[in-house]
N, C-alpha and C. Protein backbone atom coordinates (compact mmCIF):
# COMPACT_ATOMS: atom_id res chain seq x y z
N MET A 1 144.74 111.16 114.86
CA MET A 1 143.39 111.49 114.45
C MET A 1 142.52 111.67 115.70
N VAL A 2 141.82 112.77 115.74
CA VAL A 2 140.93 113.07 116.86
C VAL A 2 139.57 112.44 116.58
N THR A 3 139.02 111.77 117.58
CA THR A 3 137.69 111.19 117.46
C THR A 3 136.72 112.02 118.29
N PHE A 4 135.66 112.47 117.65
CA PHE A 4 134.66 113.28 118.33
C PHE A 4 133.52 112.39 118.81
N SER A 5 132.98 112.72 119.96
CA SER A 5 131.84 111.97 120.49
C SER A 5 130.56 112.44 119.79
N TYR A 6 129.51 111.67 119.97
CA TYR A 6 128.19 112.03 119.43
C TYR A 6 127.80 113.43 119.89
N GLU A 7 127.96 113.69 121.17
CA GLU A 7 127.58 114.98 121.74
C GLU A 7 128.39 116.12 121.13
N GLN A 8 129.69 115.89 120.92
CA GLN A 8 130.54 116.92 120.33
C GLN A 8 130.13 117.21 118.88
N LEU A 9 129.86 116.15 118.12
CA LEU A 9 129.43 116.32 116.73
C LEU A 9 128.10 117.07 116.68
N LEU A 10 127.20 116.70 117.55
CA LEU A 10 125.88 117.34 117.63
C LEU A 10 126.02 118.83 117.92
N SER A 11 126.82 119.14 118.92
CA SER A 11 127.04 120.53 119.32
C SER A 11 127.68 121.34 118.19
N LYS A 12 128.67 120.77 117.54
CA LYS A 12 129.38 121.46 116.46
C LYS A 12 128.43 121.77 115.30
N LEU A 13 127.64 120.78 114.89
CA LEU A 13 126.72 121.01 113.77
C LEU A 13 125.66 122.04 114.10
N LYS A 14 125.15 121.99 115.31
CA LYS A 14 124.14 122.98 115.72
C LYS A 14 124.71 124.39 115.67
N SER A 15 125.97 124.54 116.04
CA SER A 15 126.59 125.86 116.05
C SER A 15 126.91 126.38 114.64
N LEU A 16 127.02 125.49 113.67
CA LEU A 16 127.38 125.90 112.31
C LEU A 16 126.20 126.46 111.52
N ASP A 17 124.98 126.10 111.90
CA ASP A 17 123.79 126.57 111.20
C ASP A 17 123.90 126.32 109.69
N CYS A 18 124.13 125.06 109.33
CA CYS A 18 124.26 124.70 107.92
C CYS A 18 123.14 123.74 107.51
N THR A 19 123.01 123.54 106.22
CA THR A 19 121.98 122.63 105.71
C THR A 19 122.41 121.18 105.97
N PRO A 20 121.47 120.23 105.91
CA PRO A 20 121.85 118.82 106.09
C PRO A 20 122.91 118.38 105.07
N ASP A 21 122.80 118.89 103.85
CA ASP A 21 123.77 118.55 102.82
C ASP A 21 125.16 119.08 103.16
N GLU A 22 125.23 120.33 103.59
CA GLU A 22 126.51 120.94 103.98
C GLU A 22 127.10 120.24 105.20
N ALA A 23 126.24 119.77 106.07
CA ALA A 23 126.69 119.11 107.30
C ALA A 23 127.52 117.86 107.01
N GLN A 24 127.25 117.21 105.91
CA GLN A 24 127.96 115.96 105.60
C GLN A 24 129.46 116.19 105.41
N ARG A 25 129.81 117.28 104.78
CA ARG A 25 131.24 117.60 104.61
C ARG A 25 131.91 117.83 105.97
N HIS A 26 131.20 118.52 106.85
CA HIS A 26 131.75 118.77 108.18
C HIS A 26 131.91 117.46 108.95
N LEU A 27 130.90 116.60 108.88
CA LEU A 27 130.97 115.32 109.60
C LEU A 27 132.11 114.46 109.08
N LYS A 28 132.26 114.42 107.77
CA LYS A 28 133.35 113.64 107.17
C LYS A 28 134.70 114.22 107.60
N HIS A 29 134.81 115.54 107.59
CA HIS A 29 136.05 116.22 107.99
C HIS A 29 136.40 115.93 109.46
N MET A 30 135.35 115.74 110.28
CA MET A 30 135.56 115.45 111.70
C MET A 30 135.69 113.95 111.96
N HIS A 31 135.87 113.18 110.89
CA HIS A 31 136.10 111.72 110.97
C HIS A 31 134.95 110.95 111.59
N ALA A 32 133.73 111.42 111.38
CA ALA A 32 132.57 110.67 111.86
C ALA A 32 132.39 109.44 110.97
N SER A 33 131.87 108.38 111.54
CA SER A 33 131.55 107.20 110.73
C SER A 33 130.24 107.49 109.99
N ILE A 34 129.93 106.68 109.00
CA ILE A 34 128.69 106.88 108.26
C ILE A 34 127.47 106.67 109.17
N VAL A 35 127.57 105.73 110.09
CA VAL A 35 126.47 105.48 111.03
C VAL A 35 126.30 106.69 111.96
N MET A 36 127.40 107.23 112.43
CA MET A 36 127.34 108.42 113.29
C MET A 36 126.78 109.61 112.52
N ALA A 37 127.14 109.73 111.24
CA ALA A 37 126.63 110.83 110.42
C ALA A 37 125.11 110.75 110.31
N ILE A 38 124.59 109.54 110.15
CA ILE A 38 123.13 109.36 110.08
C ILE A 38 122.49 109.76 111.40
N ARG A 39 123.05 109.29 112.50
CA ARG A 39 122.49 109.61 113.83
C ARG A 39 122.49 111.11 114.10
N VAL A 40 123.62 111.75 113.82
CA VAL A 40 123.75 113.19 114.10
C VAL A 40 122.85 114.00 113.17
N THR A 41 122.82 113.64 111.90
CA THR A 41 121.96 114.35 110.94
C THR A 41 120.51 114.26 111.38
N ARG A 42 120.10 113.09 111.80
CA ARG A 42 118.72 112.88 112.26
C ARG A 42 118.42 113.79 113.47
N ALA A 43 119.32 113.80 114.42
CA ALA A 43 119.09 114.57 115.65
C ALA A 43 119.11 116.08 115.41
N VAL A 44 120.08 116.56 114.65
CA VAL A 44 120.21 118.00 114.44
C VAL A 44 119.04 118.57 113.63
N TYR A 45 118.60 117.83 112.63
CA TYR A 45 117.58 118.36 111.73
C TYR A 45 116.17 117.82 111.99
N GLY A 46 116.01 117.01 113.04
CA GLY A 46 114.70 116.52 113.43
C GLY A 46 114.00 115.71 112.36
N MET A 47 114.74 114.87 111.69
CA MET A 47 114.15 114.07 110.61
C MET A 47 114.11 112.60 110.99
N SER A 48 113.41 111.83 110.20
CA SER A 48 113.33 110.39 110.46
C SER A 48 114.66 109.73 110.13
N MET A 49 114.83 108.52 110.62
CA MET A 49 116.05 107.76 110.34
C MET A 49 116.17 107.54 108.83
N GLY A 50 115.06 107.23 108.17
CA GLY A 50 115.07 107.00 106.72
C GLY A 50 115.50 108.22 105.93
N GLU A 51 114.99 109.39 106.33
CA GLU A 51 115.36 110.64 105.65
C GLU A 51 116.85 110.94 105.84
N ALA A 52 117.32 110.78 107.07
CA ALA A 52 118.74 111.04 107.35
C ALA A 52 119.63 110.07 106.57
N LYS A 53 119.23 108.81 106.51
CA LYS A 53 120.01 107.80 105.79
C LYS A 53 120.09 108.14 104.30
N LYS A 54 118.99 108.60 103.72
CA LYS A 54 119.00 108.98 102.30
C LYS A 54 119.97 110.12 102.04
N ILE A 55 119.95 111.13 102.90
CA ILE A 55 120.84 112.28 102.73
C ILE A 55 122.29 111.84 102.82
N VAL A 56 122.61 111.04 103.82
CA VAL A 56 123.99 110.60 104.02
C VAL A 56 124.42 109.66 102.89
N ASP A 57 123.62 108.65 102.60
CA ASP A 57 123.98 107.67 101.57
C ASP A 57 124.19 108.30 100.20
N ARG A 58 123.44 109.33 99.90
CA ARG A 58 123.52 109.95 98.57
C ARG A 58 124.55 111.05 98.45
N HIS A 59 125.14 111.45 99.57
CA HIS A 59 126.10 112.56 99.52
C HIS A 59 127.45 112.05 99.00
N PRO A 60 128.10 112.81 98.11
CA PRO A 60 129.37 112.38 97.52
C PRO A 60 130.48 112.03 98.52
N VAL A 61 130.52 112.67 99.68
CA VAL A 61 131.60 112.37 100.63
C VAL A 61 131.46 110.98 101.24
N TRP A 62 130.27 110.39 101.17
CA TRP A 62 130.03 109.08 101.77
C TRP A 62 129.90 107.96 100.74
N VAL A 63 130.17 108.23 99.47
CA VAL A 63 129.95 107.25 98.40
C VAL A 63 130.63 105.92 98.69
N ASP A 64 131.90 105.93 99.05
CA ASP A 64 132.63 104.68 99.28
C ASP A 64 132.04 103.89 100.44
N GLU A 65 131.77 104.55 101.55
CA GLU A 65 131.22 103.88 102.72
C GLU A 65 129.81 103.36 102.44
N SER A 66 129.02 104.14 101.73
CA SER A 66 127.65 103.75 101.42
C SER A 66 127.62 102.53 100.51
N ALA A 67 128.47 102.53 99.49
CA ALA A 67 128.52 101.40 98.56
C ALA A 67 128.95 100.13 99.29
N LEU A 68 129.94 100.24 100.16
CA LEU A 68 130.40 99.08 100.92
C LEU A 68 129.30 98.57 101.83
N GLY A 69 128.60 99.47 102.49
CA GLY A 69 127.51 99.08 103.38
C GLY A 69 126.40 98.37 102.63
N ASN A 70 126.06 98.87 101.45
CA ASN A 70 125.01 98.24 100.64
C ASN A 70 125.44 96.86 100.18
N GLU A 71 126.71 96.71 99.81
CA GLU A 71 127.23 95.41 99.37
C GLU A 71 127.18 94.40 100.51
N ILE A 72 127.59 94.81 101.68
CA ILE A 72 127.56 93.93 102.85
C ILE A 72 126.12 93.55 103.19
N GLN A 73 125.22 94.51 103.12
CA GLN A 73 123.81 94.25 103.41
C GLN A 73 123.24 93.23 102.42
N GLU A 74 123.54 93.37 101.14
CA GLU A 74 123.05 92.43 100.14
C GLU A 74 123.58 91.02 100.39
N LYS A 75 124.85 90.91 100.76
CA LYS A 75 125.44 89.60 101.06
C LYS A 75 124.79 88.98 102.30
N ALA A 76 124.52 89.79 103.29
CA ALA A 76 123.88 89.29 104.51
C ALA A 76 122.47 88.79 104.23
N ILE A 77 121.74 89.52 103.40
CA ILE A 77 120.38 89.11 103.04
C ILE A 77 120.42 87.80 102.26
N ALA A 78 121.35 87.69 101.32
CA ALA A 78 121.48 86.46 100.53
C ALA A 78 121.84 85.28 101.41
N ALA A 79 122.75 85.48 102.37
CA ALA A 79 123.15 84.40 103.28
C ALA A 79 121.98 83.98 104.16
N ALA A 80 121.21 84.95 104.63
CA ALA A 80 120.05 84.63 105.47
C ALA A 80 119.00 83.86 104.67
N ALA A 81 118.78 84.27 103.43
CA ALA A 81 117.82 83.58 102.57
C ALA A 81 118.25 82.14 102.31
N GLU A 82 119.55 81.95 102.14
CA GLU A 82 120.11 80.61 101.92
C GLU A 82 119.88 79.73 103.15
N LEU A 83 120.11 80.28 104.32
CA LEU A 83 119.90 79.53 105.56
C LEU A 83 118.43 79.16 105.75
N LEU A 84 117.55 80.09 105.43
CA LEU A 84 116.12 79.84 105.58
C LEU A 84 115.62 78.79 104.59
N ALA A 85 116.27 78.70 103.44
CA ALA A 85 115.86 77.74 102.42
C ALA A 85 116.27 76.31 102.77
N GLN A 86 117.17 76.14 103.71
CA GLN A 86 117.67 74.80 104.08
C GLN A 86 116.67 74.05 104.91
């Protein structure tokens, strides 16, 4: 499996001239992580981190990774709340 750097992903997406939604399929095909997809989407399309995260999280190619990330985040918040309550 070939791993592309941030710069390579950025360059590739800029050359494709595709929409942010279309870009997600390309990023997934290039084995980008979900975090890298958010970073690259933000940079290529000049959007906020929140906007890029929404596009990536809601795209069908990232469903499994997004669901896992949300589950981990919920568990971390619950654990932190438990610690603070002690």
